[in-house]
Amino acid sequence: MGGAAAPPRPAGRHGRAGAGRPARPRGGHRGQRRGGRVIGRRLVLTAPLALAACGVTTGGPVRVAVTWSGWELGRFRLVLKAFEREYGVSTEVVGLGDDISAVLGSRRGGAVDVVMLPQIWAVHGLGDRLAPLDRFVPPSRFPLAWRNILTHEGAVRGIPFKVAHKSVVWYRKDLFERRGEQPPRTWSDWIGLNRRLADSGTAPLALAGADGWVLSDFFENVLYGLDQDTYLSLADKTENAWRSSQVVDAFREVGRMWSPQGALSGEAGGALLTQAESAVVDHFLTGRAAMVAGADFTYPVIQRHRGADLTGRWLDWFRFPAPNNRTRSPKVGGDVVVVPAPASDGALALAEWLATAEAQRIWASQGGLLSVHTEISRTGNTYPTTRIADLAREVTAEPIGRLVFDLADQLGPVGVGLRRVLQDFLRAVGGNESRVEAEAAAAAARMERLAARSGS
């Protein structure tokens, strides 16, 4: 073999010898060929004979573990089909529910080659159980903040793939215009807007109270907007962090939003029976509610049921206002590519592909995926509309402080408890503003007890 190829690695968990650069058995690359190799965005071996000479095999499909279903899984399959065409390697999708990090942590991840990990912050804790992926995540390709959060002991262990902006409120621009309203810039503006809309007979908010994660996303945006230090202390499981007065304040502000008569489409009782997609389709799109708090991935849900016009006709979004009215980075989430160690050749090939702008554009162009890849962020023309591109710019920008992720997901059982507490809180304050103060204190005290019992 020529000097461009790295020496083979020891046999991996599937009995395959690894290579420093994943091989693409067939298909070639749309680039300049020189000496049997392609000179372009990727330098890879192309001849099966060369692969055999290096002791590299790609037997069997690359097994990819995901939590996605429905339209999200459909979009990801398009990305995998492009990989299969480019590399000549088959793939198999494995559904593992929502607890993929636990699968990796218990070493049961040996059954899969690649994991689309939905808990970005978990990469550091998984450490050397994940293969280093530095060569696919150079500084020129991904922002420093994202590289840092995915680095353990000097090696990058994950690749940013599907990033989510989770500080978004979608609104019916046509409805606002008919009532002479503008999207709110501050928290107090939003409270006032909601009262005016309710008084006019239109529910301000569609709320999916049956899905606890929707309620925790709402609460987390409020808490983060009140005091970032308290939010991060809770995420870090600092002792007695739930005793902070800011926690009570956050419950109180959420109560101010949810408690007025007419504030929620279907009132609190109806909201507690409503799931996320139904809140969008049955309440927001029908005009029963003027707004729905969500994320960038709410857009494809809207698009599937009604043309999601973001050119200024009937649909738009605004940033979830912060109660302290300070400028802050958005709360983010999403999925990163990780490879259980030791890595198979097929796993490294797929990781290489998923790290490219070409792969991420396939999904991003249809909505539901924001990319922090610098090649995509520089052009800005990948997304369905300029307003989705605006969301992508916000998650790509250097964060104010550190990247902020879903709090409930980081807290494990305490996070599950938070979602139940919020459902009970909604049930208690809905349509009864006079109970907000007492219920806020009670909810905060309940969270303190849950955290104490769990040792958080």
Protein backbone atom coordinates (compact mmCIF):
# COMPACT_ATOMS: atom_id res chain seq x y z
CA MET A 1 0.00 0.00 0.00
CA GLY A 2 1.04 3.59 -0.56
CA GLY A 3 2.01 5.93 2.21
CA ALA A 4 -1.32 7.79 2.26
CA ALA A 5 -3.11 4.95 4.03
CA ALA A 6 -2.72 4.53 7.77
CA PRO A 7 -1.67 1.10 9.08
CA PRO A 8 -4.48 -1.27 10.02
CA ARG A 9 -5.83 -1.11 13.54
CA PRO A 10 -6.18 -4.23 15.71
CA ALA A 11 -9.29 -6.30 15.13
CA GLY A 12 -12.42 -4.59 16.48
CA ARG A 13 -15.37 -5.97 18.35
CA HIS A 14 -16.75 -7.59 15.19
CA GLY A 15 -13.45 -9.30 14.39
CA ARG A 16 -12.68 -6.73 11.68
CA ALA A 17 -9.40 -4.92 11.42
CA GLY A 18 -9.78 -1.14 11.45
CA ALA A 19 -8.07 1.44 9.28
CA GLY A 20 -6.95 4.96 9.93
CA ARG A 21 -9.30 6.13 7.16
CA PRO A 22 -12.62 4.37 6.54
CA ALA A 23 -12.83 2.69 3.15
CA ARG A 24 -15.38 3.21 0.44
CA PRO A 25 -15.49 -0.01 -1.60
CA ARG A 26 -17.23 1.38 -4.66
CA GLY A 27 -19.04 4.35 -6.10
CA GLY A 28 -16.12 6.74 -6.22
CA HIS A 29 -16.20 10.41 -5.39
CA ARG A 30 -17.05 13.32 -7.56
CA GLY A 31 -13.52 14.68 -7.48
CA GLN A 32 -10.15 14.39 -9.18
CA ARG A 33 -8.69 10.86 -9.31
CA ARG A 34 -4.95 10.40 -8.86
CA GLY A 35 -3.17 7.06 -8.42
CA GLY A 36 -6.36 5.11 -7.65
CA ARG A 37 -7.46 7.62 -5.00
CA VAL A 38 -9.79 10.56 -4.99
CA ILE A 39 -8.40 13.99 -4.21
CA GLY A 40 -11.28 16.07 -2.88
CA ARG A 41 -13.18 16.57 0.35
CA ARG A 42 -12.18 13.04 1.44
CA LEU A 43 -9.09 10.99 0.69
CA VAL A 44 -10.26 7.38 0.68
CA LEU A 45 -9.28 4.02 -0.80
CA THR A 46 -11.48 3.07 -3.74
CA ALA A 47 -10.38 -0.33 -5.03
CA PRO A 48 -11.58 -3.54 -3.35
CA LEU A 49 -8.17 -5.07 -4.15
CA ALA A 50 -6.47 -2.25 -2.23
CA LEU A 51 -8.81 -2.83 0.68
CA ALA A 52 -7.90 -6.50 0.82
CA ALA A 53 -4.20 -5.68 0.68
CA CYS A 54 -4.61 -3.50 3.77
CA GLY A 55 -6.53 -6.20 5.64
CA VAL A 56 -9.67 -4.03 5.76
CA THR A 57 -13.11 -5.64 5.46
CA THR A 58 -16.60 -4.21 5.57
CA GLY A 59 -18.62 -7.40 6.02
CA GLY A 60 -22.23 -6.99 7.15
CA PRO A 61 -24.35 -3.85 7.36
CA VAL A 62 -23.40 -0.92 9.56
CA ARG A 63 -25.92 -0.99 12.43
CA VAL A 64 -27.09 2.46 13.53
CA ALA A 65 -28.99 3.00 16.78
CA VAL A 66 -31.52 5.86 16.80
CA THR A 67 -34.41 7.14 18.89
CA TRP A 68 -36.24 8.65 15.90
CA SER A 69 -39.49 7.41 14.45
CA GLY A 70 -42.02 8.66 11.94
CA TRP A 71 -40.98 11.53 9.71
CA GLU A 72 -37.66 12.02 11.51
CA LEU A 73 -36.63 8.44 10.85
CA GLY A 74 -37.76 8.84 7.25
CA ARG A 75 -35.47 11.85 6.81
CA PHE A 76 -32.54 10.02 8.36
CA ARG A 77 -33.06 7.05 6.04
CA LEU A 78 -32.55 9.44 3.10
CA VAL A 79 -29.16 10.34 4.57
CA LEU A 80 -28.29 6.65 4.95
CA LYS A 81 -29.34 5.86 1.37
CA ALA A 82 -26.95 8.52 0.12
CA PHE A 83 -24.19 6.96 2.25
CA GLU A 84 -24.89 3.54 0.76
CA ARG A 85 -24.62 4.98 -2.75
CA GLU A 86 -21.41 6.86 -1.97
CA TYR A 87 -19.60 4.15 -0.02
CA GLY A 88 -21.17 0.92 -1.21
CA VAL A 89 -21.83 -0.15 2.39
CA SER A 90 -25.29 -1.25 3.56
CA THR A 91 -26.88 -0.01 6.80
CA GLU A 92 -29.42 -1.26 9.29
CA VAL A 93 -31.39 0.98 11.66
CA VAL A 94 -31.90 -0.22 15.22
CA GLY A 95 -34.47 1.45 17.46
CA LEU A 96 -33.37 1.69 21.08
CA GLY A 97 -35.92 4.02 22.65
CA ASP A 98 -34.82 7.10 24.54
CA ASP A 99 -32.10 5.65 26.76
CA ILE A 100 -29.26 5.14 24.33
CA SER A 101 -26.64 6.53 26.71
CA ALA A 102 -27.56 3.82 29.23
CA VAL A 103 -27.07 1.20 26.52
CA LEU A 104 -23.59 2.51 25.83
CA GLY A 105 -22.80 2.90 29.50
CA SER A 106 -23.68 -0.72 30.26
CA ARG A 107 -21.54 -1.96 27.36
CA ARG A 108 -24.59 -3.34 25.57
CA GLY A 109 -23.72 -0.96 22.75
CA GLY A 110 -21.56 -3.71 21.24
CA ALA A 111 -24.59 -4.77 19.24
CA VAL A 112 -24.42 -1.57 17.17
CA ASP A 113 -21.72 0.23 15.20
CA VAL A 114 -22.92 3.84 15.42
CA VAL A 115 -25.25 5.58 17.85
CA MET A 116 -27.13 8.82 17.20
CA LEU A 117 -26.93 10.01 20.81
CA PRO A 118 -29.75 12.38 21.82
CA GLN A 119 -28.02 13.49 25.04
CA ILE A 120 -25.16 15.67 23.81
CA TRP A 121 -23.78 16.40 27.28
CA ALA A 122 -23.46 12.65 27.98
CA VAL A 123 -20.51 12.26 25.61
CA HIS A 124 -17.99 13.48 28.17
CA GLY A 125 -19.22 11.02 30.78
CA LEU A 126 -19.03 8.08 28.38
CA GLY A 127 -15.36 8.90 27.81
CA ASP A 128 -13.10 6.21 26.40
CA ARG A 129 -16.05 3.90 25.76
CA LEU A 130 -16.41 6.01 22.61
CA ALA A 131 -13.94 5.98 19.73
CA PRO A 132 -12.00 9.22 19.00
CA LEU A 133 -13.38 11.02 15.94
CA ASP A 134 -11.06 14.06 15.81
CA ARG A 135 -10.20 13.77 12.13
CA PHE A 136 -13.87 14.19 11.22
CA VAL A 137 -14.40 17.23 13.49
CA PRO A 138 -11.58 19.67 12.66
CA PRO A 139 -11.74 23.26 13.99
CA SER A 140 -12.40 24.46 10.45
CA ARG A 141 -15.60 22.43 10.28
CA PHE A 142 -17.38 22.88 13.65
CA PRO A 143 -17.52 25.71 16.24
CA LEU A 144 -15.24 25.54 19.27
CA ALA A 145 -18.08 25.36 21.81
CA TRP A 146 -19.47 22.24 20.14
CA ARG A 147 -16.05 20.61 19.86
CA ASN A 148 -15.40 21.29 23.54
CA ILE A 149 -18.64 19.74 24.80
CA LEU A 150 -17.86 16.60 22.79
CA THR A 151 -14.23 16.27 23.93
CA HIS A 152 -12.95 13.83 26.57
CA GLU A 153 -9.28 13.53 27.58
CA GLY A 154 -8.15 15.57 24.59
CA ALA A 155 -10.07 13.57 21.98
CA VAL A 156 -13.30 14.54 20.24
CA ARG A 157 -15.74 11.68 20.81
CA GLY A 158 -18.83 12.93 18.98
CA ILE A 159 -19.90 14.67 15.77
CA PRO A 160 -22.63 17.34 15.83
CA PHE A 161 -25.39 16.20 13.48
CA LYS A 162 -28.97 17.20 14.28
CA VAL A 163 -29.03 20.34 16.44
CA ALA A 164 -32.31 21.73 17.78
CA HIS A 165 -33.20 25.31 18.75
CA LYS A 166 -35.53 24.95 21.74
CA SER A 167 -36.28 28.59 22.57
CA VAL A 168 -38.83 29.22 19.83
CA VAL A 169 -42.45 30.37 19.90
CA TRP A 170 -44.36 29.92 16.64
CA TYR A 171 -47.19 32.36 15.99
CA ARG A 172 -50.00 32.97 13.53
CA LYS A 173 -48.90 36.14 11.81
CA ASP A 174 -52.21 36.47 10.01
CA LEU A 175 -54.11 36.33 13.30
CA PHE A 176 -51.78 38.86 14.92
CA GLU A 177 -52.21 41.26 12.02
CA ARG A 178 -56.01 41.05 12.12
CA ARG A 179 -55.86 42.10 15.78
CA GLY A 180 -53.18 44.73 15.29
CA GLU A 181 -50.65 42.84 17.42
CA GLN A 182 -46.89 42.45 17.15
CA PRO A 183 -44.75 39.59 18.46
CA PRO A 184 -43.62 40.37 22.02
CA ARG A 185 -40.06 41.46 22.76
CA THR A 186 -40.17 41.09 26.54
CA TRP A 187 -41.79 38.79 29.07
CA SER A 188 -44.18 41.51 30.26
CA ASP A 189 -45.10 42.20 26.62
CA TRP A 190 -45.99 38.54 26.23
CA ILE A 191 -48.14 38.47 29.38
CA GLY A 192 -50.03 41.54 28.15
CA LEU A 193 -50.45 40.14 24.65
CA ASN A 194 -51.90 36.92 26.04
CA ARG A 195 -54.48 38.80 28.09
CA ARG A 196 -55.60 40.85 25.09
CA LEU A 197 -55.91 37.77 22.89
CA ALA A 198 -57.87 35.89 25.55
CA ASP A 199 -60.19 38.86 26.01
CA SER A 200 -60.83 38.88 22.25
CA GLY A 201 -61.88 35.21 22.30
CA THR A 202 -58.71 33.60 20.93
CA ALA A 203 -56.63 31.37 23.17
CA PRO A 204 -53.05 32.64 23.21
CA LEU A 205 -51.36 29.26 23.67
CA ALA A 206 -51.64 25.69 22.46
CA LEU A 207 -49.99 23.59 25.17
CA ALA A 208 -49.27 19.86 24.96
CA GLY A 209 -49.62 19.07 28.64
CA ALA A 210 -49.91 15.33 28.05
CA ASP A 211 -46.26 15.33 26.95
CA GLY A 212 -44.28 16.22 30.04
CA TRP A 213 -41.24 17.22 28.00
CA VAL A 214 -43.22 20.08 26.46
CA LEU A 215 -43.98 21.45 29.94
CA SER A 216 -40.39 21.02 31.10
CA ASP A 217 -39.12 22.80 27.98
CA PHE A 218 -41.42 25.73 28.81
CA PHE A 219 -40.36 25.83 32.47
CA GLU A 220 -36.68 25.53 31.55
CA ASN A 221 -36.85 28.48 29.18
CA VAL A 222 -38.41 30.55 31.95
CA LEU A 223 -35.87 29.48 34.58
CA TYR A 224 -32.94 29.95 32.20
CA GLY A 225 -34.29 33.38 31.30
CA LEU A 226 -34.54 34.33 34.98
CA ASP A 227 -31.14 33.13 36.17
CA GLN A 228 -28.63 31.16 34.14
CA ASP A 229 -26.49 30.40 37.20
CA THR A 230 -29.36 28.64 38.97
CA TYR A 231 -30.15 26.68 35.82
CA LEU A 232 -26.58 25.49 35.46
CA SER A 233 -26.33 24.64 39.16
CA LEU A 234 -29.36 22.40 38.81
CA ALA A 235 -27.91 20.82 35.66
CA ASP A 236 -24.66 20.17 37.54
CA LYS A 237 -26.67 18.64 40.43
CA THR A 238 -25.21 21.10 42.91
CA GLU A 239 -26.32 20.31 46.44
CA ASN A 240 -29.40 22.25 47.60
CA ALA A 241 -29.71 24.03 44.23
CA TRP A 242 -33.48 23.46 44.25
CA ARG A 243 -33.72 25.68 47.32
CA SER A 244 -32.94 28.75 45.22
CA SER A 245 -35.61 31.44 45.27
CA GLN A 246 -35.23 31.56 41.48
CA VAL A 247 -36.89 28.14 41.25
CA VAL A 248 -39.98 29.48 43.02
CA ASP A 249 -39.86 32.56 40.80
CA ALA A 250 -39.77 30.36 37.69
CA PHE A 251 -42.82 28.36 38.78
CA ARG A 252 -44.58 31.65 39.56
CA GLU A 253 -43.86 33.12 36.12
CA VAL A 254 -45.00 29.93 34.40
CA GLY A 255 -48.16 30.13 36.47
CA ARG A 256 -48.76 33.70 35.34
CA MET A 257 -48.67 32.41 31.77
CA TRP A 258 -50.83 29.30 32.23
CA SER A 259 -53.37 30.32 34.87
CA PRO A 260 -55.64 33.05 33.36
CA GLN A 261 -59.04 31.99 32.06
CA GLY A 262 -58.81 31.49 28.30
CA ALA A 263 -55.00 31.43 28.27
CA LEU A 264 -54.83 27.87 26.96
CA SER A 265 -56.70 26.30 24.08
CA GLY A 266 -59.03 23.80 25.73
CA GLU A 267 -58.14 25.24 29.15
CA ALA A 268 -55.86 23.30 31.51
CA GLY A 269 -57.96 20.14 31.43
CA GLY A 270 -57.85 19.97 27.65
CA ALA A 271 -54.15 20.81 27.57
CA LEU A 272 -53.37 17.89 29.88
CA LEU A 273 -54.97 15.55 27.33
CA THR A 274 -53.16 17.08 24.35
CA GLN A 275 -49.96 15.68 22.86
CA ALA A 276 -47.30 17.68 21.02
CA GLU A 277 -48.40 17.08 17.43
CA SER A 278 -52.05 17.57 18.30
CA ALA A 279 -51.26 20.93 19.91
CA VAL A 280 -49.83 22.05 16.59
CA VAL A 281 -52.33 20.45 14.23
CA ASP A 282 -55.62 20.63 16.14
CA HIS A 283 -55.15 23.88 18.03
CA PHE A 284 -52.50 26.08 16.40
CA LEU A 285 -53.16 25.36 12.73
CA THR A 286 -56.93 25.57 13.16
CA GLY A 287 -56.62 29.05 14.68
CA ARG A 288 -57.96 27.98 18.07
CA ALA A 289 -54.63 29.16 19.50
CA ALA A 290 -52.44 32.01 18.30
CA MET A 291 -49.09 30.58 19.46
CA VAL A 292 -47.33 27.34 20.29
CA ALA A 293 -44.00 27.17 22.11
CA GLY A 294 -41.74 24.60 20.53
CA ALA A 295 -38.53 24.17 18.58
CA ASP A 296 -37.22 24.40 15.06
CA PHE A 297 -38.49 20.84 14.47
CA THR A 298 -42.06 22.08 14.88
CA TYR A 299 -41.73 23.43 11.33
CA PRO A 300 -41.93 20.05 9.51
CA VAL A 301 -45.03 19.16 11.56
CA ILE A 302 -46.67 22.36 10.34
CA GLN A 303 -45.43 21.78 6.80
CA ARG A 304 -46.94 18.29 6.60
CA HIS A 305 -50.42 19.56 7.45
CA ARG A 306 -50.41 23.00 5.89
CA GLY A 307 -48.00 24.86 3.66
CA ALA A 308 -45.59 26.36 6.21
CA ASP A 309 -45.20 29.76 4.61
CA LEU A 310 -42.37 31.64 6.28
CA THR A 311 -42.21 34.33 3.61
CA GLY A 312 -44.41 36.63 5.66
CA ARG A 313 -47.97 35.55 4.89
CA TRP A 314 -49.33 33.65 7.91
CA LEU A 315 -46.57 31.95 9.93
CA ASP A 316 -43.50 33.17 11.82
CA TRP A 317 -41.58 32.69 15.07
CA PHE A 318 -40.09 34.79 17.86
CA ARG A 319 -37.54 33.95 20.53
CA PHE A 320 -38.96 32.76 23.84
CA PRO A 321 -38.78 36.00 25.89
CA ALA A 322 -36.58 35.98 29.00
CA PRO A 323 -38.30 37.18 32.18
CA ASN A 324 -35.20 39.21 33.11
CA ASN A 325 -35.15 40.71 29.57
CA ARG A 326 -31.42 39.99 29.16
CA THR A 327 -29.86 38.76 25.94
CA ARG A 328 -29.13 35.06 26.14
CA SER A 329 -28.24 32.18 23.90
CA PRO A 330 -31.02 29.73 23.00
CA LYS A 331 -31.56 26.48 24.85
CA VAL A 332 -30.36 23.75 22.52
CA GLY A 333 -30.71 20.02 22.05
CA GLY A 334 -30.20 17.48 19.33
CA ASP A 335 -28.32 14.36 18.38
CA VAL A 336 -24.61 13.65 17.91
CA VAL A 337 -22.84 10.80 16.17
CA VAL A 338 -20.85 8.54 18.48
CA VAL A 339 -19.04 5.29 17.75
CA PRO A 340 -18.67 2.63 20.47
CA ALA A 341 -15.02 1.63 20.90
CA PRO A 342 -13.33 -0.22 19.34
CA ALA A 343 -14.64 1.14 16.05
CA SER A 344 -15.38 -1.01 13.02
CA ASP A 345 -14.40 0.14 9.53
CA GLY A 346 -18.05 0.54 8.56
CA ALA A 347 -18.70 2.67 11.64
CA LEU A 348 -15.84 5.02 10.79
CA ALA A 349 -17.02 5.26 7.19
CA LEU A 350 -20.51 6.25 8.30
CA ALA A 351 -19.14 8.70 10.88
CA GLU A 352 -17.03 10.32 8.18
CA TRP A 353 -20.10 10.70 5.96
CA LEU A 354 -22.36 12.09 8.68
CA ALA A 355 -19.74 14.73 9.49
CA THR A 356 -19.94 16.21 5.99
CA ALA A 357 -22.02 19.19 4.93
CA GLU A 358 -23.27 17.07 2.04
CA ALA A 359 -24.89 14.54 4.38
CA GLN A 360 -26.38 17.11 6.75
CA ARG A 361 -27.85 19.16 3.89
CA ILE A 362 -30.05 16.23 2.84
CA TRP A 363 -32.13 16.57 6.01
CA ALA A 364 -31.57 20.27 6.72
CA SER A 365 -32.96 21.26 3.33
CA GLN A 366 -36.35 19.83 4.34
CA GLY A 367 -36.48 21.29 7.85
CA GLY A 368 -36.26 19.60 11.22
CA LEU A 369 -32.46 19.62 11.40
CA LEU A 370 -30.21 22.58 12.14
CA SER A 371 -26.54 22.12 11.38
CA VAL A 372 -23.57 23.80 13.06
CA HIS A 373 -21.29 22.74 10.21
CA THR A 374 -19.39 25.88 9.16
CA GLU A 375 -19.76 25.16 5.45
CA ILE A 376 -23.54 25.19 5.84
CA SER A 377 -23.63 28.21 8.16
CA ARG A 378 -21.48 30.24 5.75
CA THR A 379 -23.83 29.77 2.80
CA GLY A 380 -27.17 30.06 4.62
CA ASN A 381 -29.08 28.77 1.59
CA THR A 382 -29.45 25.16 2.76
CA TYR A 383 -32.69 25.58 4.71
CA PRO A 384 -36.29 25.69 3.44
CA THR A 385 -36.61 29.40 4.26
CA THR A 386 -34.46 32.26 5.51
CA ARG A 387 -36.33 32.20 8.84
CA ILE A 388 -35.16 28.62 9.49
CA ALA A 389 -31.67 29.73 8.49
CA ASP A 390 -31.98 32.46 11.15
CA LEU A 391 -32.59 29.76 13.78
CA ALA A 392 -29.52 27.89 12.55
CA ARG A 393 -27.38 31.00 12.90
CA GLU A 394 -28.48 31.38 16.51
CA VAL A 395 -27.40 27.85 17.49
CA THR A 396 -24.13 28.17 15.55
CA ALA A 397 -23.12 31.47 17.17
CA GLU A 398 -20.65 31.39 20.05
CA PRO A 399 -22.81 30.99 23.16
CA ILE A 400 -23.12 33.58 25.88
CA GLY A 401 -21.57 31.58 28.71
CA ARG A 402 -21.77 27.87 27.93
CA LEU A 403 -24.09 25.76 25.82
CA VAL A 404 -27.37 25.15 27.65
CA PHE A 405 -29.19 21.86 27.17
CA ASP A 406 -32.46 20.36 28.38
CA LEU A 407 -32.43 20.35 32.17
CA ALA A 408 -34.91 17.52 32.75
CA ASP A 409 -32.97 15.15 30.50
CA GLN A 410 -29.78 15.81 32.46
CA LEU A 411 -31.45 15.09 35.80
CA GLY A 412 -32.54 11.51 35.14
CA PRO A 413 -35.28 10.40 37.57
CA VAL A 414 -35.47 13.91 39.05
CA GLY A 415 -36.18 15.20 35.54
CA VAL A 416 -39.00 12.69 35.17
CA GLY A 417 -40.30 13.98 38.50
CA LEU A 418 -40.09 17.57 37.28
CA ARG A 419 -42.41 16.75 34.38
CA ARG A 420 -44.95 15.19 36.71
CA VAL A 421 -44.72 18.15 39.08
CA LEU A 422 -45.38 20.51 36.16
CA GLN A 423 -48.43 18.53 35.08
CA ASP A 424 -49.79 18.72 38.62
CA PHE A 425 -48.92 22.42 38.74
CA LEU A 426 -50.84 23.06 35.50
CA ARG A 427 -53.83 21.12 36.86
CA ALA A 428 -53.77 23.21 40.06
CA VAL A 429 -53.36 26.72 38.62
CA GLY A 430 -55.30 26.40 35.35
CA GLY A 431 -58.10 28.95 35.38
CA ASN A 432 -57.26 29.99 38.95
CA GLU A 433 -54.74 32.82 39.12
CA SER A 434 -55.19 33.22 42.87
CA ARG A 435 -53.50 29.86 43.48
CA VAL A 436 -50.29 30.61 41.58
CA GLU A 437 -48.24 31.92 44.51
CA ALA A 438 -49.01 29.01 46.85
CA GLU A 439 -48.70 26.36 44.13
CA ALA A 440 -45.36 27.76 42.95
CA ALA A 441 -43.93 27.44 46.45
CA ALA A 442 -45.38 23.95 46.81
CA ALA A 443 -43.96 22.81 43.45
CA ALA A 444 -40.49 24.11 44.30
CA ALA A 445 -40.60 22.38 47.70
CA ARG A 446 -41.68 19.14 46.04
CA MET A 447 -38.72 19.34 43.64
CA GLU A 448 -36.37 19.93 46.56
CA ARG A 449 -37.63 16.76 48.22
CA LEU A 450 -37.31 14.73 45.02
CA ALA A 451 -33.74 15.90 44.54
CA ALA A 452 -32.85 15.15 48.18
CA ARG A 453 -34.21 11.60 47.92
CA SER A 454 -32.20 10.97 44.75
CA GLY A 455 -29.03 12.52 46.16
CA SER A 456 -28.98 15.27 43.50
